[in-house]
Amino acid sequence: MEKIFNGQKTAKLGTAKNPAAVNVQTHERLEEIESIFQEKGWKYTIGLEPEKEEDILDLEILLHSPKSKIAEKKVGRNEPCPCGSGNKYKKCCGK
């Protein structure tokens, strides 16, 4: 039976263990992308391949990484109702 999960954590994208890999078609684009990586301090490898289509997916992932959301505090059942009625939440708006 083959094990699917090996227990090892993958390194964060843009670090020395997992550098971002992009391919560009022109030298000008290479310099532009390289300046973005250096400005942000990310580790990277850039391939200059004029005959292949540009692939900057790793850069897009790094630039638009999802931000964590902060959950709103819930009103407890026995706390005063936030509507200002003076009743407990469970007797007012928490029906």
N, C-alpha and C. Protein backbone atom coordinates (compact mmCIF):
# COMPACT_ATOMS: atom_id res chain seq x y z
N MET A 1 0.85 -1.18 0.00
CA MET A 1 0.00 0.00 0.00
C MET A 1 0.89 1.24 0.00
N GLU A 2 0.64 2.14 -0.94
CA GLU A 2 1.47 3.35 -1.08
C GLU A 2 0.92 4.47 -0.21
N LYS A 3 1.82 5.14 0.48
CA LYS A 3 1.46 6.27 1.32
C LYS A 3 1.33 7.52 0.46
N ILE A 4 0.23 8.22 0.59
CA ILE A 4 0.01 9.43 -0.21
C ILE A 4 0.63 10.64 0.48
N PHE A 5 0.40 10.79 1.77
CA PHE A 5 0.94 11.93 2.52
C PHE A 5 2.23 11.52 3.17
N ASN A 6 3.32 12.23 2.89
CA ASN A 6 4.62 11.84 3.43
C ASN A 6 4.94 12.54 4.75
N GLY A 7 4.08 13.44 5.24
CA GLY A 7 4.29 14.08 6.53
C GLY A 7 5.18 15.30 6.49
N GLN A 8 5.74 15.62 5.34
CA GLN A 8 6.63 16.78 5.25
C GLN A 8 5.85 18.01 4.77
N LYS A 9 6.09 19.12 5.44
CA LYS A 9 5.43 20.37 5.09
C LYS A 9 6.13 20.97 3.88
N THR A 10 5.36 21.47 2.92
CA THR A 10 5.96 22.13 1.76
C THR A 10 6.40 23.53 2.15
N ALA A 11 7.50 23.97 1.59
CA ALA A 11 8.04 25.29 1.92
C ALA A 11 7.19 26.39 1.28
N LYS A 12 7.16 27.53 1.91
CA LYS A 12 6.41 28.68 1.42
C LYS A 12 7.00 29.15 0.09
N LEU A 13 6.15 29.51 -0.85
CA LEU A 13 6.58 29.98 -2.16
C LEU A 13 7.37 31.28 -2.02
N GLY A 14 8.49 31.37 -2.73
CA GLY A 14 9.31 32.57 -2.70
C GLY A 14 10.44 32.52 -1.68
N THR A 15 10.66 31.33 -1.07
CA THR A 15 11.74 31.16 -0.11
C THR A 15 12.88 30.39 -0.77
N ALA A 16 14.00 30.24 -0.06
CA ALA A 16 15.15 29.53 -0.61
C ALA A 16 14.83 28.07 -0.91
N LYS A 17 13.98 27.45 -0.08
CA LYS A 17 13.62 26.04 -0.30
C LYS A 17 12.62 25.86 -1.44
N ASN A 18 11.82 26.89 -1.71
CA ASN A 18 10.81 26.81 -2.77
C ASN A 18 10.76 28.14 -3.53
N PRO A 19 11.78 28.42 -4.36
CA PRO A 19 11.78 29.70 -5.08
C PRO A 19 10.70 29.74 -6.16
N ALA A 20 10.20 30.93 -6.42
CA ALA A 20 9.20 31.11 -7.48
C ALA A 20 9.90 30.93 -8.83
N ALA A 21 9.24 30.24 -9.76
CA ALA A 21 9.81 30.00 -11.08
C ALA A 21 8.91 30.62 -12.14
N VAL A 22 9.48 31.50 -12.95
CA VAL A 22 8.73 32.16 -14.02
C VAL A 22 9.51 32.08 -15.33
N ASN A 23 8.80 32.16 -16.45
CA ASN A 23 9.41 32.18 -17.77
C ASN A 23 8.91 33.41 -18.51
N VAL A 24 9.83 34.13 -19.17
CA VAL A 24 9.47 35.32 -19.94
C VAL A 24 10.06 35.22 -21.34
N GLN A 25 9.57 36.09 -22.25
CA GLN A 25 10.01 36.03 -23.64
C GLN A 25 11.07 37.06 -24.01
N THR A 26 11.11 38.20 -23.30
CA THR A 26 12.05 39.25 -23.68
C THR A 26 12.95 39.64 -22.51
N HIS A 27 14.07 40.22 -22.85
CA HIS A 27 15.03 40.66 -21.83
C HIS A 27 14.45 41.82 -21.00
N GLU A 28 13.67 42.70 -21.64
CA GLU A 28 13.06 43.82 -20.93
C GLU A 28 12.08 43.32 -19.87
N ARG A 29 11.29 42.32 -20.24
CA ARG A 29 10.32 41.74 -19.29
C ARG A 29 11.06 41.04 -18.16
N LEU A 30 12.19 40.42 -18.45
CA LEU A 30 12.99 39.75 -17.43
C LEU A 30 13.46 40.76 -16.39
N GLU A 31 13.94 41.90 -16.84
CA GLU A 31 14.41 42.94 -15.91
C GLU A 31 13.25 43.50 -15.08
N GLU A 32 12.08 43.65 -15.70
CA GLU A 32 10.91 44.17 -14.99
C GLU A 32 10.47 43.20 -13.88
N ILE A 33 10.40 41.92 -14.20
CA ILE A 33 9.97 40.91 -13.22
C ILE A 33 11.04 40.75 -12.13
N GLU A 34 12.29 40.78 -12.53
CA GLU A 34 13.38 40.64 -11.58
C GLU A 34 13.35 41.77 -10.54
N SER A 35 13.03 42.98 -10.98
CA SER A 35 12.97 44.11 -10.04
C SER A 35 11.84 43.93 -9.03
N ILE A 36 10.72 43.33 -9.46
CA ILE A 36 9.61 43.08 -8.54
C ILE A 36 10.04 42.08 -7.47
N PHE A 37 10.68 41.00 -7.89
CA PHE A 37 11.13 39.98 -6.93
C PHE A 37 12.14 40.57 -5.94
N GLN A 38 13.08 41.36 -6.42
CA GLN A 38 14.10 41.94 -5.55
C GLN A 38 13.50 42.96 -4.59
N GLU A 39 12.53 43.74 -5.05
CA GLU A 39 11.87 44.72 -4.20
C GLU A 39 11.14 44.05 -3.03
N LYS A 40 10.51 42.91 -3.30
CA LYS A 40 9.75 42.19 -2.27
C LYS A 40 10.63 41.26 -1.43
N GLY A 41 11.85 40.97 -1.90
CA GLY A 41 12.75 40.09 -1.16
C GLY A 41 12.47 38.61 -1.33
N TRP A 42 11.78 38.24 -2.41
CA TRP A 42 11.45 36.85 -2.67
C TRP A 42 12.57 36.18 -3.45
N LYS A 43 12.75 34.88 -3.23
CA LYS A 43 13.72 34.09 -4.00
C LYS A 43 13.03 33.63 -5.28
N TYR A 44 13.79 33.56 -6.38
CA TYR A 44 13.17 33.29 -7.68
C TYR A 44 14.16 32.68 -8.66
N THR A 45 13.61 32.09 -9.72
CA THR A 45 14.37 31.69 -10.89
C THR A 45 13.57 32.17 -12.11
N ILE A 46 14.27 32.82 -13.03
CA ILE A 46 13.61 33.34 -14.23
C ILE A 46 14.24 32.71 -15.45
N GLY A 47 13.40 32.15 -16.32
CA GLY A 47 13.87 31.58 -17.58
C GLY A 47 13.55 32.53 -18.72
N LEU A 48 14.53 32.77 -19.58
CA LEU A 48 14.33 33.61 -20.76
C LEU A 48 14.18 32.69 -21.95
N GLU A 49 12.93 32.49 -22.40
CA GLU A 49 12.65 31.56 -23.49
C GLU A 49 11.72 32.25 -24.49
N PRO A 50 12.31 32.86 -25.54
CA PRO A 50 11.51 33.63 -26.51
C PRO A 50 10.48 32.79 -27.27
N GLU A 51 10.72 31.50 -27.44
CA GLU A 51 9.80 30.67 -28.23
C GLU A 51 8.63 30.11 -27.41
N LYS A 52 8.71 30.21 -26.09
CA LYS A 52 7.62 29.71 -25.23
C LYS A 52 6.74 30.85 -24.76
N GLU A 53 5.50 30.50 -24.37
CA GLU A 53 4.56 31.48 -23.84
C GLU A 53 5.00 31.92 -22.45
N GLU A 54 4.76 33.18 -22.12
CA GLU A 54 5.13 33.71 -20.81
C GLU A 54 4.34 33.02 -19.70
N ASP A 55 5.04 32.64 -18.63
CA ASP A 55 4.41 31.97 -17.49
C ASP A 55 4.87 32.67 -16.21
N ILE A 56 3.99 33.50 -15.64
CA ILE A 56 4.32 34.22 -14.41
C ILE A 56 3.32 33.88 -13.30
N LEU A 57 2.82 32.66 -13.30
CA LEU A 57 1.81 32.24 -12.33
C LEU A 57 2.32 32.35 -10.90
N ASP A 58 3.56 31.92 -10.64
CA ASP A 58 4.11 32.00 -9.28
C ASP A 58 4.16 33.45 -8.78
N LEU A 59 4.51 34.38 -9.65
CA LEU A 59 4.55 35.79 -9.26
C LEU A 59 3.14 36.29 -8.94
N GLU A 60 2.16 35.91 -9.75
CA GLU A 60 0.77 36.31 -9.50
C GLU A 60 0.29 35.77 -8.15
N ILE A 61 0.65 34.54 -7.82
CA ILE A 61 0.26 33.94 -6.55
C ILE A 61 0.87 34.73 -5.39
N LEU A 62 2.14 35.08 -5.51
CA LEU A 62 2.80 35.84 -4.45
C LEU A 62 2.23 37.25 -4.29
N LEU A 63 1.91 37.90 -5.41
CA LEU A 63 1.40 39.26 -5.35
C LEU A 63 -0.04 39.33 -4.83
N HIS A 64 -0.82 38.30 -5.08
CA HIS A 64 -2.24 38.32 -4.73
C HIS A 64 -2.59 37.20 -3.75
N SER A 65 -1.73 36.98 -2.76
CA SER A 65 -2.01 35.93 -1.78
C SER A 65 -3.20 36.34 -0.92
N PRO A 66 -4.04 35.37 -0.55
CA PRO A 66 -5.23 35.71 0.24
C PRO A 66 -4.86 36.18 1.64
N LYS A 67 -5.56 37.17 2.12
CA LYS A 67 -5.35 37.70 3.46
C LYS A 67 -6.29 36.98 4.43
N SER A 68 -5.83 36.78 5.65
CA SER A 68 -6.68 36.11 6.64
C SER A 68 -7.78 37.05 7.11
N LYS A 69 -8.94 36.48 7.38
CA LYS A 69 -10.08 37.26 7.82
C LYS A 69 -10.21 37.17 9.32
N ILE A 70 -10.67 38.24 9.93
CA ILE A 70 -10.89 38.27 11.37
C ILE A 70 -12.39 38.10 11.60
N ALA A 71 -12.76 37.06 12.34
CA ALA A 71 -14.17 36.78 12.60
C ALA A 71 -14.74 37.81 13.58
N GLU A 72 -15.98 38.19 13.35
CA GLU A 72 -16.65 39.12 14.24
C GLU A 72 -17.00 38.40 15.53
N LYS A 73 -16.98 39.14 16.63
CA LYS A 73 -17.32 38.56 17.91
C LYS A 73 -18.82 38.31 17.96
N LYS A 74 -19.20 37.08 18.35
CA LYS A 74 -20.62 36.73 18.44
C LYS A 74 -21.17 37.18 19.79
N VAL A 75 -22.45 37.50 19.78
CA VAL A 75 -23.13 37.91 21.01
C VAL A 75 -23.53 36.64 21.76
N GLY A 76 -23.20 36.58 23.04
CA GLY A 76 -23.58 35.44 23.87
C GLY A 76 -25.07 35.47 24.17
N ARG A 77 -25.64 34.30 24.43
CA ARG A 77 -27.08 34.20 24.69
C ARG A 77 -27.53 35.05 25.88
N ASN A 78 -26.70 35.12 26.93
CA ASN A 78 -27.10 35.83 28.15
C ASN A 78 -26.57 37.26 28.23
N GLU A 79 -25.96 37.75 27.17
CA GLU A 79 -25.47 39.13 27.14
C GLU A 79 -26.60 40.07 26.73
N PRO A 80 -26.48 41.36 27.04
CA PRO A 80 -27.51 42.31 26.61
C PRO A 80 -27.59 42.36 25.09
N CYS A 81 -28.78 42.52 24.58
CA CYS A 81 -28.99 42.53 23.12
C CYS A 81 -28.36 43.79 22.52
N PRO A 82 -27.64 43.66 21.37
CA PRO A 82 -27.00 44.82 20.75
C PRO A 82 -27.99 45.82 20.17
N CYS A 83 -29.28 45.47 20.09
CA CYS A 83 -30.26 46.42 19.52
C CYS A 83 -30.59 47.54 20.51
N GLY A 84 -30.19 47.36 21.80
CA GLY A 84 -30.39 48.42 22.78
C GLY A 84 -31.69 48.31 23.56
N SER A 85 -32.38 47.19 23.46
CA SER A 85 -33.67 47.05 24.16
C SER A 85 -33.51 46.85 25.66
N GLY A 86 -32.34 46.39 26.10
CA GLY A 86 -32.12 46.13 27.51
C GLY A 86 -32.40 44.69 27.89
N ASN A 87 -33.01 43.93 26.99
CA ASN A 87 -33.28 42.51 27.25
C ASN A 87 -32.05 41.67 26.93
N LYS A 88 -32.07 40.43 27.43
CA LYS A 88 -31.01 39.50 27.06
C LYS A 88 -31.17 39.14 25.58
N TYR A 89 -30.07 38.83 24.95
CA TYR A 89 -30.08 38.51 23.53
C TYR A 89 -31.01 37.34 23.23
N LYS A 90 -31.03 36.31 24.10
CA LYS A 90 -31.85 35.12 23.84
C LYS A 90 -33.35 35.42 23.91
N LYS A 91 -33.74 36.47 24.62
CA LYS A 91 -35.16 36.83 24.74
C LYS A 91 -35.59 37.88 23.71
N CYS A 92 -34.59 38.48 23.03
CA CYS A 92 -34.92 39.57 22.10
C CYS A 92 -34.67 39.16 20.64
N CYS A 93 -33.49 39.42 20.13
CA CYS A 93 -33.18 39.16 18.72
C CYS A 93 -32.59 37.77 18.46
N GLY A 94 -32.30 37.01 19.49
CA GLY A 94 -31.67 35.70 19.31
C GLY A 94 -32.64 34.55 19.30
N LYS A 95 -33.87 34.78 18.94
CA LYS A 95 -34.91 33.74 18.97
C LYS A 95 -34.61 32.61 18.04
